[in-house]
């Protein structure tokens, strides 16, 4: 396994309290916590930091450059202790990765309430967050890093798979991207899923990554087919695969801004261009220059480093626009590259205020959101791969008429490496999430699963996020920046009986650009839990249906009518 250091600030980490051995989640049916809810929270926290899952476990970084599972090593130890001592009617409050309060609530209340990196709007800037982070007062939770439901790159893999499949249908009227050249960048935590998502859709995909160790890791894990340090060599491989319609992924060592500009200058135009570098975090994005010198600069003079990041991001974005002008289909994959370039002074919008190239949600994903669909996931707390096999079989049995799901599960079983606790993700919508939650609970009750299951989702979901440069970009009614919806989602999941809930600022796109909520509920096989599962797994996607119906999407109104969703202010007779 290739390790890398991502500790890019001088924040207090209490390194002397770091465990001597790498962290791994407990397995089996024996627990050290009073409830399976608390036990699941402990195991998923530890699973986030498993070296096979985390980007840099020694610095508590799970993914996304700086997304952490705990504020520092002292806080990590305090979190584990608090969960192990948590009573069945108590709730633990976590403030930016630090356990701060335990109080008696009631047995059906969440065992954990998490809030990460939230700042008062006037102060919600990267500079203010960095100041507080350096003082040891906050941490960046990303989306599922600080909410303890990350499952490795499989999560973003499935979302990228869905996006590319939708793109193939909409742009090329095809079932796959066979014969198409896809250009992208970034191969860190989340972005490391890009090569496999591309080949699962039969694309010839070139991924530019500045750190060779990241490409090597993904080749080792089976996510990427080949690695090259030479652009011409990589293009020959890509062109050969494209001409015969064979899926191939090539990781090219280089800086995306330079490589994209070179291709535009040469007139080498990919069919599709996107990007998943960590542009949301200027201290994690890598400007043009010598890597060793830049790593030193980042620690010694972060302001100058961020200035250079913005400079490179502007060149990077301009190159995408240049390739678009030459005929490439370009879309943003939600890392706020366009927003950072705009902050630097580059024109990225037309006269009407719309981005010159769209984000992936308005371009390809929003119809799924209208159906309450999104990245639904679960982890087998037993650690037994046999439990995952049972659940995969059940998923195929319960949803035989969903060809996209069927194809995903069959391919994922064969090609997606299991990292940490055995996990799976698939996009399920309103009604279907509750159906499968009930099925999981029955399997536990019948003894077909050896231990409870932690059920969660990405924060990137249909009704849990406000992010004008990503999930809520270009809403039909102009409500892109309305952040009431994730707050309502957080509250409804809490009062419906989720095992733990979270509310974060900035995940995916950076400080000041998003607010989003997460939830996890544990299936334990009991009748009481069956009721909670039905409530939570109905209200959670239901908020997505409501959010999009309220914005005027006919598809969402159709979904509400079909399932009897109560929407007091929406004319359900309009469809």
Protein backbone atom coordinates (compact mmCIF):
# COMPACT_ATOMS: atom_id res chain seq x y z
CA UNK A 1 0.00 0.00 0.00
CA UNK A 2 1.33 3.43 -0.93
CA UNK A 3 1.06 6.00 1.85
CA UNK A 4 1.26 9.75 1.50
CA UNK A 5 1.20 12.67 3.86
CA UNK A 6 -1.58 15.22 3.64
CA UNK A 7 -0.93 17.11 6.88
CA UNK A 8 -0.78 20.54 5.30
CA UNK A 9 -1.31 22.82 8.26
CA UNK A 10 0.24 23.22 11.66
CA UNK A 11 -2.95 22.27 13.49
CA UNK A 12 -2.48 20.47 16.85
CA UNK A 13 -2.88 16.73 16.19
CA UNK A 14 -1.58 15.18 19.46
CA UNK A 15 0.56 12.74 17.49
CA UNK A 16 1.80 11.08 20.68
CA UNK A 17 -1.73 9.75 21.23
CA UNK A 18 -2.00 8.15 17.79
CA UNK A 19 -2.41 4.35 17.96
CA UNK A 20 0.80 2.46 17.38
CA UNK A 21 -0.91 0.09 14.96
CA UNK A 22 -3.14 0.95 11.98
CA UNK A 23 -6.84 1.17 12.82
CA UNK A 24 -9.31 -1.51 11.79
CA UNK A 25 -12.98 -1.78 12.71
CA UNK A 26 -13.94 -4.66 15.03
CA UNK A 27 -15.71 -7.59 13.41
CA UNK A 28 -18.19 -10.16 14.62
CA UNK A 29 -21.21 -10.11 16.94
CA UNK A 30 -19.51 -9.21 20.20
CA UNK A 31 -19.78 -5.53 21.03
CA UNK A 32 -18.15 -3.18 23.55
CA UNK A 33 -20.97 -0.62 23.43
CA UNK A 34 -24.37 -0.81 25.13
CA UNK A 35 -26.31 -0.69 21.85
CA UNK A 36 -25.74 -1.67 18.25
CA UNK A 37 -26.32 1.98 17.30
CA UNK A 38 -23.31 3.10 19.35
CA UNK A 39 -21.32 0.04 18.29
CA UNK A 40 -22.04 0.79 14.64
CA UNK A 41 -20.94 4.41 15.09
CA UNK A 42 -17.67 3.23 16.66
CA UNK A 43 -17.02 0.64 13.96
CA UNK A 44 -17.80 3.05 11.12
CA UNK A 45 -15.58 5.74 12.66
CA UNK A 46 -12.76 3.20 12.81
CA UNK A 47 -13.57 1.89 9.34
CA UNK A 48 -13.19 5.41 7.96
CA UNK A 49 -9.60 5.34 9.28
CA UNK A 50 -8.70 1.86 8.06
CA UNK A 51 -5.56 2.34 5.91
CA UNK A 52 -7.25 0.50 3.05
CA UNK A 53 -10.08 3.06 3.15
CA UNK A 54 -8.53 6.34 4.32
CA UNK A 55 -6.38 8.61 2.20
CA UNK A 56 -3.98 9.31 5.08
CA UNK A 57 -5.03 7.63 8.32
CA UNK A 58 -2.02 8.88 10.28
CA UNK A 59 -3.37 12.42 9.91
CA UNK A 60 -7.01 11.31 10.30
CA UNK A 61 -7.69 12.29 6.67
CA UNK A 62 -10.30 10.06 5.06
CA UNK A 63 -10.75 11.59 1.60
CA UNK A 64 -11.12 14.82 -0.33
CA UNK A 65 -7.71 16.20 0.58
CA UNK A 66 -8.54 17.31 4.12
CA UNK A 67 -11.78 15.58 5.16
CA UNK A 68 -11.18 14.09 8.62
CA UNK A 69 -12.99 11.58 10.81
CA UNK A 70 -11.94 13.26 14.08
CA UNK A 71 -10.39 16.61 15.01
CA UNK A 72 -7.16 15.15 16.40
CA UNK A 73 -5.90 11.95 17.99
CA UNK A 74 -6.94 12.99 21.48
CA UNK A 75 -10.47 13.61 20.22
CA UNK A 76 -10.45 10.27 18.42
CA UNK A 77 -9.68 8.47 21.67
CA UNK A 78 -12.33 10.49 23.48
CA UNK A 79 -14.89 9.62 20.80
CA UNK A 80 -14.23 5.88 21.13
CA UNK A 81 -14.44 6.07 24.93
CA UNK A 82 -17.65 8.12 24.81
CA UNK A 83 -19.32 5.67 22.42
CA UNK A 84 -18.29 2.69 24.56
CA UNK A 85 -19.77 4.30 27.67
CA UNK A 86 -22.92 5.68 25.99
CA UNK A 87 -26.16 4.53 27.60
CA UNK A 88 -29.12 3.21 25.56
CA UNK A 89 -31.07 6.41 26.28
CA UNK A 90 -28.18 8.88 25.86
CA UNK A 91 -27.07 11.03 22.92
CA UNK A 92 -23.51 12.14 22.21
CA UNK A 93 -22.95 15.56 20.64
CA UNK A 94 -19.90 15.92 18.37
CA UNK A 95 -18.66 19.40 17.41
CA UNK A 96 -16.26 19.32 14.47
CA UNK A 97 -14.78 15.97 15.37
CA UNK A 98 -14.71 16.53 19.15
CA UNK A 99 -17.10 14.90 21.65
CA UNK A 100 -18.49 17.77 23.71
CA UNK A 101 -21.69 16.68 25.46
CA UNK A 102 -23.66 13.61 26.50
CA UNK A 103 -27.23 13.86 27.73
CA UNK A 104 -30.12 11.59 28.46
CA UNK A 105 -32.68 11.67 25.64
CA UNK A 106 -34.70 8.52 24.91
CA UNK A 107 -33.99 5.10 23.34
CA UNK A 108 -35.34 5.95 19.87
CA UNK A 109 -33.38 9.22 19.66
CA UNK A 110 -30.15 9.29 17.64
CA UNK A 111 -27.21 8.02 19.67
CA UNK A 112 -24.96 10.64 18.03
CA UNK A 113 -25.55 14.15 16.69
CA UNK A 114 -22.69 15.54 14.60
CA UNK A 115 -22.02 19.09 13.36
CA UNK A 116 -18.89 19.76 11.32
CA UNK A 117 -17.24 22.97 10.08
CA UNK A 118 -20.35 25.15 10.36
CA UNK A 119 -19.67 28.90 10.47
CA UNK A 120 -21.92 31.93 10.77
CA UNK A 121 -22.57 33.04 7.15
CA UNK A 122 -20.63 36.33 7.31
CA UNK A 123 -17.60 34.37 8.55
CA UNK A 124 -18.04 31.30 6.32
CA UNK A 125 -14.81 31.71 4.38
CA UNK A 126 -11.86 29.43 3.77
CA UNK A 127 -9.52 31.87 5.51
CA UNK A 128 -11.62 31.96 8.68
CA UNK A 129 -11.98 28.20 8.70
CA UNK A 130 -8.22 27.76 8.20
CA UNK A 131 -7.57 30.11 11.14
CA UNK A 132 -9.87 28.14 13.44
CA UNK A 133 -8.54 24.82 12.14
CA UNK A 134 -4.97 25.88 12.89
CA UNK A 135 -6.05 26.73 16.44
CA UNK A 136 -7.50 23.24 16.85
CA UNK A 137 -11.08 24.55 17.14
CA UNK A 138 -12.64 22.95 14.05
CA UNK A 139 -12.12 20.33 11.41
CA UNK A 140 -13.32 19.80 7.85
CA UNK A 141 -15.73 16.88 7.77
CA UNK A 142 -16.17 16.76 3.99
CA UNK A 143 -19.38 14.80 3.54
CA UNK A 144 -18.99 11.22 4.77
CA UNK A 145 -15.56 11.54 6.41
CA UNK A 146 -16.76 13.39 9.48
CA UNK A 147 -20.12 11.60 9.54
CA UNK A 148 -18.52 8.13 9.63
CA UNK A 149 -20.20 6.53 6.65
CA UNK A 150 -17.44 6.61 4.01
CA UNK A 151 -17.00 3.23 2.31
CA UNK A 152 -13.93 3.92 0.19
CA UNK A 153 -13.98 4.92 -3.42
CA UNK A 154 -16.93 2.60 -4.18
CA UNK A 155 -19.26 5.46 -3.19
CA UNK A 156 -18.07 7.97 -5.74
CA UNK A 157 -17.43 5.10 -8.17
CA UNK A 158 -21.10 4.27 -8.31
CA UNK A 159 -22.09 7.93 -8.68
CA UNK A 160 -19.55 8.43 -11.46
CA UNK A 161 -20.77 5.22 -13.11
CA UNK A 162 -24.35 6.55 -13.02
CA UNK A 163 -23.27 9.93 -14.39
CA UNK A 164 -21.28 8.49 -17.29
CA UNK A 165 -24.06 6.04 -18.13
CA UNK A 166 -26.57 8.90 -18.21
CA UNK A 167 -24.17 10.94 -20.35
CA UNK A 168 -23.87 8.09 -22.85
CA UNK A 169 -27.66 7.91 -23.17
CA UNK A 170 -28.26 11.64 -23.40
CA UNK A 171 -25.29 12.75 -25.52
CA UNK A 172 -24.64 9.73 -27.74
CA UNK A 173 -27.93 7.78 -27.59
CA UNK A 174 -25.88 4.75 -26.59
CA UNK A 175 -25.80 2.18 -23.82
CA UNK A 176 -22.11 2.80 -23.14
CA UNK A 177 -19.15 5.03 -23.98
CA UNK A 178 -17.47 2.44 -26.20
CA UNK A 179 -15.34 4.20 -28.78
CA UNK A 180 -15.27 7.45 -26.79
CA UNK A 181 -12.27 9.27 -25.32
CA UNK A 182 -12.87 10.72 -21.85
CA UNK A 183 -10.37 13.15 -20.31
CA UNK A 184 -10.36 13.97 -16.61
CA UNK A 185 -8.00 14.66 -13.71
CA UNK A 186 -7.47 13.70 -10.09
CA UNK A 187 -6.84 10.27 -8.59
CA UNK A 188 -6.93 10.88 -4.85
CA UNK A 189 -9.60 9.56 -2.46
CA UNK A 190 -12.86 10.24 -4.27
CA UNK A 191 -11.37 10.93 -7.68
CA UNK A 192 -9.57 7.58 -7.61
CA UNK A 193 -12.83 5.98 -8.71
CA UNK A 194 -12.81 7.69 -12.09
CA UNK A 195 -10.78 5.14 -14.07
CA UNK A 196 -12.93 2.17 -13.07
CA UNK A 197 -16.19 4.09 -13.57
CA UNK A 198 -14.95 4.92 -17.06
CA UNK A 199 -14.07 1.36 -18.01
CA UNK A 200 -17.32 0.05 -16.51
CA UNK A 201 -18.93 2.21 -19.19
CA UNK A 202 -16.46 0.94 -21.84
CA UNK A 203 -14.71 4.34 -22.22
CA UNK A 204 -11.08 4.96 -23.09
CA UNK A 205 -10.37 7.27 -20.17
CA UNK A 206 -7.23 9.32 -19.47
CA UNK A 207 -6.85 10.56 -15.88
CA UNK A 208 -4.18 13.19 -15.16
CA UNK A 209 -2.77 13.10 -11.62
CA UNK A 210 0.17 15.11 -10.33
CA UNK A 211 1.20 12.62 -7.61
CA UNK A 212 2.54 9.37 -9.05
CA UNK A 213 1.92 7.52 -5.75
CA UNK A 214 -1.81 8.03 -6.11
CA UNK A 215 -1.86 6.45 -9.57
CA UNK A 216 0.30 3.57 -8.34
CA UNK A 217 -2.13 2.95 -5.48
CA UNK A 218 -5.12 2.79 -7.81
CA UNK A 219 -3.34 0.46 -10.21
CA UNK A 220 -2.47 -1.75 -7.22
CA UNK A 221 -6.09 -1.72 -6.03
CA UNK A 222 -7.42 -2.63 -9.47
CA UNK A 223 -9.16 0.67 -10.13
CA UNK A 224 -6.80 1.77 -12.94
CA UNK A 225 -5.37 -0.33 -15.78
CA UNK A 226 -2.12 1.43 -16.67
CA UNK A 227 0.23 4.20 -15.57
CA UNK A 228 2.35 6.45 -17.78
CA UNK A 229 4.68 9.41 -17.38
CA UNK A 230 4.55 10.33 -21.08
CA UNK A 231 1.59 12.08 -22.72
CA UNK A 232 2.27 10.70 -26.21
CA UNK A 233 2.50 7.14 -24.91
CA UNK A 234 -0.74 7.55 -22.98
CA UNK A 235 -2.54 8.99 -26.02
CA UNK A 236 -1.40 6.04 -28.18
CA UNK A 237 -2.88 3.60 -25.66
CA UNK A 238 -6.10 5.61 -25.46
CA UNK A 239 -6.47 5.91 -29.23
CA UNK A 240 -5.95 2.19 -29.78
CA UNK A 241 -8.58 1.31 -27.17
CA UNK A 242 -10.99 3.90 -28.54
CA UNK A 243 -10.69 2.60 -32.12
CA UNK A 244 -11.60 -0.96 -31.11
CA UNK A 245 -14.28 0.12 -28.63
CA UNK A 246 -12.48 -1.35 -25.63
CA UNK A 247 -12.61 0.11 -22.14
CA UNK A 248 -9.18 1.24 -20.90
CA UNK A 249 -8.04 3.51 -18.09
CA UNK A 250 -4.67 5.26 -18.15
CA UNK A 251 -3.28 7.30 -15.27
CA UNK A 252 -0.91 10.00 -16.57
CA UNK A 253 1.55 11.65 -14.18
CA UNK A 254 1.31 15.38 -14.77
CA UNK A 255 -0.43 18.61 -13.86
CA UNK A 256 -3.94 18.82 -15.30
CA UNK A 257 -3.65 22.50 -16.18
CA UNK A 258 -0.57 21.83 -18.29
CA UNK A 259 -1.83 18.62 -19.91
CA UNK A 260 -5.28 20.00 -20.75
CA UNK A 261 -3.69 23.13 -22.26
CA UNK A 262 -1.30 21.02 -24.33
CA UNK A 263 -4.17 18.96 -25.76
CA UNK A 264 -6.14 22.10 -26.61
CA UNK A 265 -3.08 23.63 -28.32
CA UNK A 266 -2.48 20.45 -30.33
CA UNK A 267 -6.15 20.18 -31.30
CA UNK A 268 -6.46 16.77 -29.64
CA UNK A 269 -10.13 16.93 -28.65
CA UNK A 270 -11.59 14.28 -26.33
CA UNK A 271 -15.24 13.36 -26.66
CA UNK A 272 -15.85 14.21 -22.99
CA UNK A 273 -13.91 16.40 -20.54
CA UNK A 274 -14.40 16.73 -16.78
CA UNK A 275 -12.28 17.02 -13.63
CA UNK A 276 -12.15 15.74 -10.02
CA UNK A 277 -9.09 17.44 -8.57
CA UNK A 278 -9.44 18.84 -5.04
CA UNK A 279 -10.13 22.35 -6.27
CA UNK A 280 -12.51 23.01 -3.38
CA UNK A 281 -9.45 23.25 -1.09
CA UNK A 282 -6.77 25.62 -2.38
CA UNK A 283 -4.21 24.11 -0.02
CA UNK A 284 -4.81 20.63 -1.44
CA UNK A 285 -4.99 21.56 -5.12
CA UNK A 286 -1.51 21.39 -6.67
CA UNK A 287 -0.32 24.37 -8.74
CA UNK A 288 2.16 24.11 -11.58
CA UNK A 289 5.70 23.67 -10.27
CA UNK A 290 8.09 21.31 -8.52
CA UNK A 291 6.20 19.10 -6.07
CA UNK A 292 8.81 19.13 -3.32
CA UNK A 293 9.13 22.91 -3.49
CA UNK A 294 5.35 23.29 -3.49
CA UNK A 295 4.93 21.01 -0.46
CA UNK A 296 7.43 23.19 1.42
CA UNK A 297 5.71 26.37 0.26
CA UNK A 298 2.34 25.07 1.43
CA UNK A 299 3.61 24.77 4.99
CA UNK A 300 5.83 27.86 5.03
CA UNK A 301 3.69 30.33 3.09
CA UNK A 302 0.11 29.06 2.63
CA UNK A 303 -1.14 32.41 1.31
CA UNK A 304 1.34 32.32 -1.58
CA UNK A 305 0.49 28.67 -2.18
CA UNK A 306 -3.22 29.52 -2.46
CA UNK A 307 -2.42 32.40 -4.82
CA UNK A 308 -0.58 29.97 -7.11
CA UNK A 309 -3.45 27.47 -6.84
CA UNK A 310 -5.93 30.06 -8.05
CA UNK A 311 -3.58 30.98 -10.89
CA UNK A 312 -3.31 27.35 -12.01
CA UNK A 313 -7.04 26.71 -11.57
CA UNK A 314 -7.79 29.60 -13.90
CA UNK A 315 -5.51 28.07 -16.55
CA UNK A 316 -7.04 24.65 -15.90
CA UNK A 317 -10.58 25.96 -16.35
CA UNK A 318 -9.67 28.01 -19.41
CA UNK A 319 -8.27 24.87 -21.03
CA UNK A 320 -11.58 23.09 -20.45
CA UNK A 321 -13.38 26.01 -22.09
CA UNK A 322 -10.91 25.85 -25.00
CA UNK A 323 -11.58 22.13 -25.47
CA UNK A 324 -15.30 22.82 -25.30
CA UNK A 325 -14.93 25.41 -28.05
CA UNK A 326 -13.23 22.72 -30.15
CA UNK A 327 -16.17 20.34 -29.76
CA UNK A 328 -15.67 18.45 -26.50
CA UNK A 329 -18.64 17.78 -24.20
CA UNK A 330 -17.57 19.35 -20.90
CA UNK A 331 -19.13 19.15 -17.46
CA UNK A 332 -18.08 19.99 -13.92
CA UNK A 333 -18.00 17.13 -11.43
CA UNK A 334 -18.69 19.18 -8.36
CA UNK A 335 -15.27 20.13 -7.02
CA UNK A 336 -15.87 23.87 -7.45
CA UNK A 337 -13.19 24.30 -10.08
CA UNK A 338 -15.39 26.83 -11.89
CA UNK A 339 -16.16 28.72 -8.68
CA UNK A 340 -12.49 29.05 -7.73
CA UNK A 341 -11.61 30.21 -11.25
CA UNK A 342 -14.40 32.77 -11.06
CA UNK A 343 -13.09 34.04 -7.73
CA UNK A 344 -9.74 34.54 -9.43
CA UNK A 345 -11.29 36.70 -12.15
CA UNK A 346 -11.93 34.24 -15.00
CA UNK A 347 -15.23 34.55 -16.84
CA UNK A 348 -17.05 31.25 -16.36
CA UNK A 349 -20.66 32.41 -16.85
CA UNK A 350 -22.66 33.75 -19.76
CA UNK A 351 -24.59 37.03 -19.78
CA UNK A 352 -27.55 35.33 -18.09
CA UNK A 353 -25.45 34.11 -15.19
CA UNK A 354 -25.32 30.47 -16.25
CA UNK A 355 -22.04 28.53 -16.19
CA UNK A 356 -20.42 28.17 -19.59
CA UNK A 357 -20.26 24.43 -19.03
CA UNK A 358 -22.75 22.71 -16.71
CA UNK A 359 -22.35 20.76 -13.51
CA UNK A 360 -23.05 17.03 -13.54
CA UNK A 361 -26.26 17.32 -11.51
CA UNK A 362 -28.26 19.66 -13.77
CA UNK A 363 -26.78 17.98 -16.82
CA UNK A 364 -27.31 14.31 -15.95
CA UNK A 365 -28.50 13.54 -12.39
CA UNK A 366 -31.43 15.83 -11.52
CA UNK A 367 -34.13 13.57 -13.05
CA UNK A 368 -32.98 10.86 -10.64
CA UNK A 369 -33.21 13.28 -7.71
CA UNK A 370 -36.81 14.00 -8.66
CA UNK A 371 -37.59 10.32 -8.08
CA UNK A 372 -36.00 10.47 -4.63
CA UNK A 373 -33.01 8.53 -5.94
CA UNK A 374 -29.51 8.94 -4.64
CA UNK A 375 -26.42 7.16 -3.30
CA UNK A 376 -27.90 4.69 -0.81
CA UNK A 377 -25.26 2.50 0.93
CA UNK A 378 -24.71 -0.06 3.66
CA UNK A 379 -21.86 -1.75 5.54
CA UNK A 380 -21.81 -5.23 7.08
CA UNK A 381 -20.81 -4.74 10.71
CA UNK A 382 -19.87 -8.42 10.97
CA UNK A 383 -16.98 -7.88 8.59
CA UNK A 384 -18.00 -11.13 6.91
CA UNK A 385 -18.00 -11.01 3.06
CA UNK A 386 -20.67 -13.72 3.11
CA UNK A 387 -23.13 -11.18 4.53
CA UNK A 388 -22.49 -8.89 1.57
CA UNK A 389 -23.10 -11.79 -0.82
CA UNK A 390 -26.48 -12.42 0.81
CA UNK A 391 -27.41 -8.75 0.47
CA UNK A 392 -26.26 -8.57 -3.17
CA UNK A 393 -28.43 -11.59 -3.96
CA UNK A 394 -31.38 -10.02 -2.16
CA UNK A 395 -30.91 -6.74 -4.01
CA UNK A 396 -31.01 -8.53 -7.37
CA UNK A 397 -34.07 -10.51 -6.27
CA UNK A 398 -36.07 -7.54 -4.92
CA UNK A 399 -35.47 -5.23 -7.91
CA UNK A 400 -35.47 -7.48 -11.01
CA UNK A 401 -36.89 -4.77 -13.29
CA UNK A 402 -34.15 -2.17 -12.71
CA UNK A 403 -31.56 -2.83 -15.47
CA UNK A 404 -29.13 -0.11 -14.32
CA UNK A 405 -29.09 -1.50 -10.78
CA UNK A 406 -28.81 -5.09 -12.02
CA UNK A 407 -25.83 -4.24 -14.25
CA UNK A 408 -24.11 -2.28 -11.46
CA UNK A 409 -24.44 -5.02 -8.85
CA UNK A 410 -23.24 -7.77 -11.18
CA UNK A 411 -20.20 -5.76 -12.31
CA UNK A 412 -19.44 -4.44 -8.82
CA UNK A 413 -19.39 -7.96 -7.37
CA UNK A 414 -16.69 -8.89 -9.83
CA UNK A 415 -14.62 -5.74 -10.17
CA UNK A 416 -14.98 -3.50 -7.12
CA UNK A 417 -12.40 -4.22 -4.42
CA UNK A 418 -13.78 -4.44 -0.88
CA UNK A 419 -11.92 -2.01 1.38
CA UNK A 420 -12.54 -2.19 5.12
CA UNK A 421 -15.95 -3.50 6.19
CA UNK A 422 -17.81 -5.20 3.31
CA UNK A 423 -20.04 -2.53 1.78
CA UNK A 424 -22.26 -1.81 -1.17
CA UNK A 425 -23.89 1.22 -2.71
CA UNK A 426 -26.64 1.61 -5.28
CA UNK A 427 -29.04 4.34 -6.29
CA UNK A 428 -32.49 3.65 -4.84
CA UNK A 429 -35.40 6.06 -4.80
CA UNK A 430 -38.51 6.85 -2.79
CA UNK A 431 -40.26 3.68 -1.64
CA UNK A 432 -37.46 1.37 -2.72
CA UNK A 433 -35.14 2.43 0.12
CA UNK A 434 -37.79 1.51 2.70
CA UNK A 435 -38.48 -1.78 0.91
CA UNK A 436 -34.84 -2.81 0.99
CA UNK A 437 -34.35 -1.63 4.56
CA UNK A 438 -37.20 -3.92 5.59
CA UNK A 439 -35.64 -6.76 3.60
CA UNK A 440 -32.31 -6.31 5.40
CA UNK A 441 -34.01 -6.32 8.79
CA UNK A 442 -35.86 -9.55 7.93
CA UNK A 443 -32.63 -11.24 6.84
CA UNK A 444 -31.07 -10.42 10.22
CA UNK A 445 -34.16 -11.63 12.09
CA UNK A 446 -34.11 -14.89 10.10
CA UNK A 447 -30.44 -15.51 10.87
CA UNK A 448 -29.35 -15.16 7.23
CA UNK A 449 -27.06 -12.27 8.18
CA UNK A 450 -24.62 -12.75 11.03
CA UNK A 451 -24.74 -9.21 12.49
CA UNK A 452 -26.55 -5.85 12.09
CA UNK A 453 -26.12 -3.61 9.05
CA UNK A 454 -25.28 0.11 9.06
CA UNK A 455 -27.45 1.80 6.40
CA UNK A 456 -26.56 5.30 5.24
CA UNK A 457 -25.96 7.43 2.18
CA UNK A 458 -23.75 10.10 0.76
CA UNK A 459 -24.61 13.68 1.72
CA UNK A 460 -24.83 14.22 -2.04
CA UNK A 461 -28.46 13.18 -2.12
CA UNK A 462 -31.76 14.32 -3.52
CA UNK A 463 -33.03 16.32 -0.53
CA UNK A 464 -30.12 16.76 1.86
CA UNK A 465 -27.96 19.50 0.39
CA UNK A 466 -27.86 23.14 -0.68
CA UNK A 467 -24.93 23.67 -3.04
CA UNK A 468 -25.45 26.24 -5.82
CA UNK A 469 -22.32 25.13 -7.69
CA UNK A 470 -23.20 21.45 -7.56
CA UNK A 471 -26.34 19.63 -6.34
CA UNK A 472 -28.65 22.64 -6.49
CA UNK A 473 -27.09 24.38 -9.48
CA UNK A 474 -29.64 25.88 -11.90
CA UNK A 475 -32.78 24.90 -9.98
CA UNK A 476 -35.90 25.52 -12.04
CA UNK A 477 -37.31 28.08 -9.62
CA UNK A 478 -34.01 29.84 -8.87
CA UNK A 479 -33.79 28.42 -5.32
CA UNK A 480 -30.17 27.27 -5.72
CA UNK A 481 -28.92 28.87 -2.49
CA UNK A 482 -31.89 28.12 -0.23
CA UNK A 483 -30.44 26.13 2.67
CA UNK A 484 -33.64 25.38 4.58
CA UNK A 485 -33.92 21.98 2.92
CA UNK A 486 -30.84 20.25 4.43
CA UNK A 487 -31.81 21.63 7.85
CA UNK A 488 -35.29 20.14 7.47
CA UNK A 489 -33.72 16.87 6.31
CA UNK A 490 -31.44 16.77 9.37
CA UNK A 491 -34.35 17.44 11.72
CA UNK A 492 -36.73 14.95 10.14
CA UNK A 493 -34.15 12.16 10.20
CA UNK A 494 -33.39 12.90 13.85
CA UNK A 495 -37.01 12.83 15.01
CA UNK A 496 -37.79 9.79 12.85
CA UNK A 497 -35.25 7.67 14.71
CA UNK A 498 -31.98 7.60 12.76
CA UNK A 499 -29.04 6.04 14.62
CA UNK A 500 -26.93 9.13 14.04
CA UNK A 501 -27.33 12.33 12.06
CA UNK A 502 -24.92 14.99 10.85
CA UNK A 503 -24.93 18.52 9.48
CA UNK A 504 -21.89 19.85 7.63
CA UNK A 505 -20.67 22.97 5.88
CA UNK A 506 -18.54 23.01 2.75
CA UNK A 507 -18.30 19.35 1.80
CA UNK A 508 -17.33 18.67 -1.79
CA UNK A 509 -17.07 22.27 -2.94
CA UNK A 510 -15.42 24.12 -0.07
CA UNK A 511 -16.20 26.66 2.62
CA UNK A 512 -19.03 29.05 1.93
CA UNK A 513 -20.44 27.03 -0.95
CA UNK A 514 -22.64 24.30 0.58
CA UNK A 515 -24.61 23.01 3.57
CA UNK A 516 -25.62 19.37 3.77
CA UNK A 517 -27.02 16.71 6.07
CA UNK A 518 -26.33 13.02 6.58
CA UNK A 519 -27.99 10.10 8.32
CA UNK A 520 -27.27 6.50 9.30
CA UNK A 521 -29.71 3.94 10.67
CA UNK A 522 -28.77 0.46 11.85
CA UNK A 523 -30.87 -2.58 10.96
CA UNK A 524 -30.75 -5.03 13.90
CA UNK A 525 -33.53 -7.52 13.10
CA UNK A 526 -36.02 -6.36 15.76
CA UNK A 527 -39.65 -5.38 15.21
CA UNK A 528 -39.07 -2.02 16.86
CA UNK A 529 -36.23 -1.30 14.46
CA UNK A 530 -38.44 -2.24 11.50
CA UNK A 531 -40.71 0.68 12.36
CA UNK A 532 -37.78 3.10 12.65
CA UNK A 533 -36.31 1.89 9.38
CA UNK A 534 -39.61 2.51 7.60
CA UNK A 535 -39.87 6.03 9.03
CA UNK A 536 -36.30 7.08 8.32
CA UNK A 537 -35.98 5.47 4.89
CA UNK A 538 -39.24 7.10 3.83
CA UNK A 539 -38.74 10.61 5.17
CA UNK A 540 -35.16 10.90 3.94
CA UNK A 541 -35.82 10.47 0.17
CA UNK A 542 -39.25 12.04 0.70
CA UNK A 543 -37.53 15.31 1.46
CA UNK A 544 -35.87 15.08 -1.96
CA UNK A 545 -39.19 14.55 -3.70
CA UNK A 546 -40.65 17.51 -1.79
CA UNK A 547 -37.67 19.76 -2.53
CA UNK A 548 -37.85 19.17 -6.29
CA UNK A 549 -41.65 19.21 -6.50
CA UNK A 550 -41.58 22.57 -4.71
CA UNK A 551 -39.13 23.82 -7.34
CA UNK A 552 -41.58 22.88 -10.08
CA UNK A 553 -40.11 19.66 -11.48
CA UNK A 554 -42.93 17.64 -13.06
CA UNK A 555 -40.96 14.42 -12.56
CA UNK A 556 -40.98 15.00 -8.79
CA UNK A 557 -44.69 15.82 -8.77
CA UNK A 558 -45.30 12.58 -10.69
CA UNK A 559 -43.33 10.68 -8.05
CA UNK A 560 -45.38 12.30 -5.27
CA UNK A 561 -48.64 11.37 -6.98
CA UNK A 562 -47.49 7.80 -7.60
CA UNK A 563 -46.49 7.21 -3.99
CA UNK A 564 -49.01 9.36 -2.16
CA UNK A 565 -46.45 11.84 -0.81
CA UNK A 566 -48.21 14.67 1.04
CA UNK A 567 -47.17 18.09 -0.31
CA UNK A 568 -49.53 20.78 1.04
CA UNK A 569 -48.34 23.61 -1.19
CA UNK A 570 -47.97 21.69 -4.46
CA UNK A 571 -50.82 21.19 -6.91
CA UNK A 572 -50.57 17.43 -7.38
CA UNK A 573 -53.34 17.60 -9.94
CA UNK A 574 -51.03 19.42 -12.35
CA UNK A 575 -49.73 16.10 -13.68
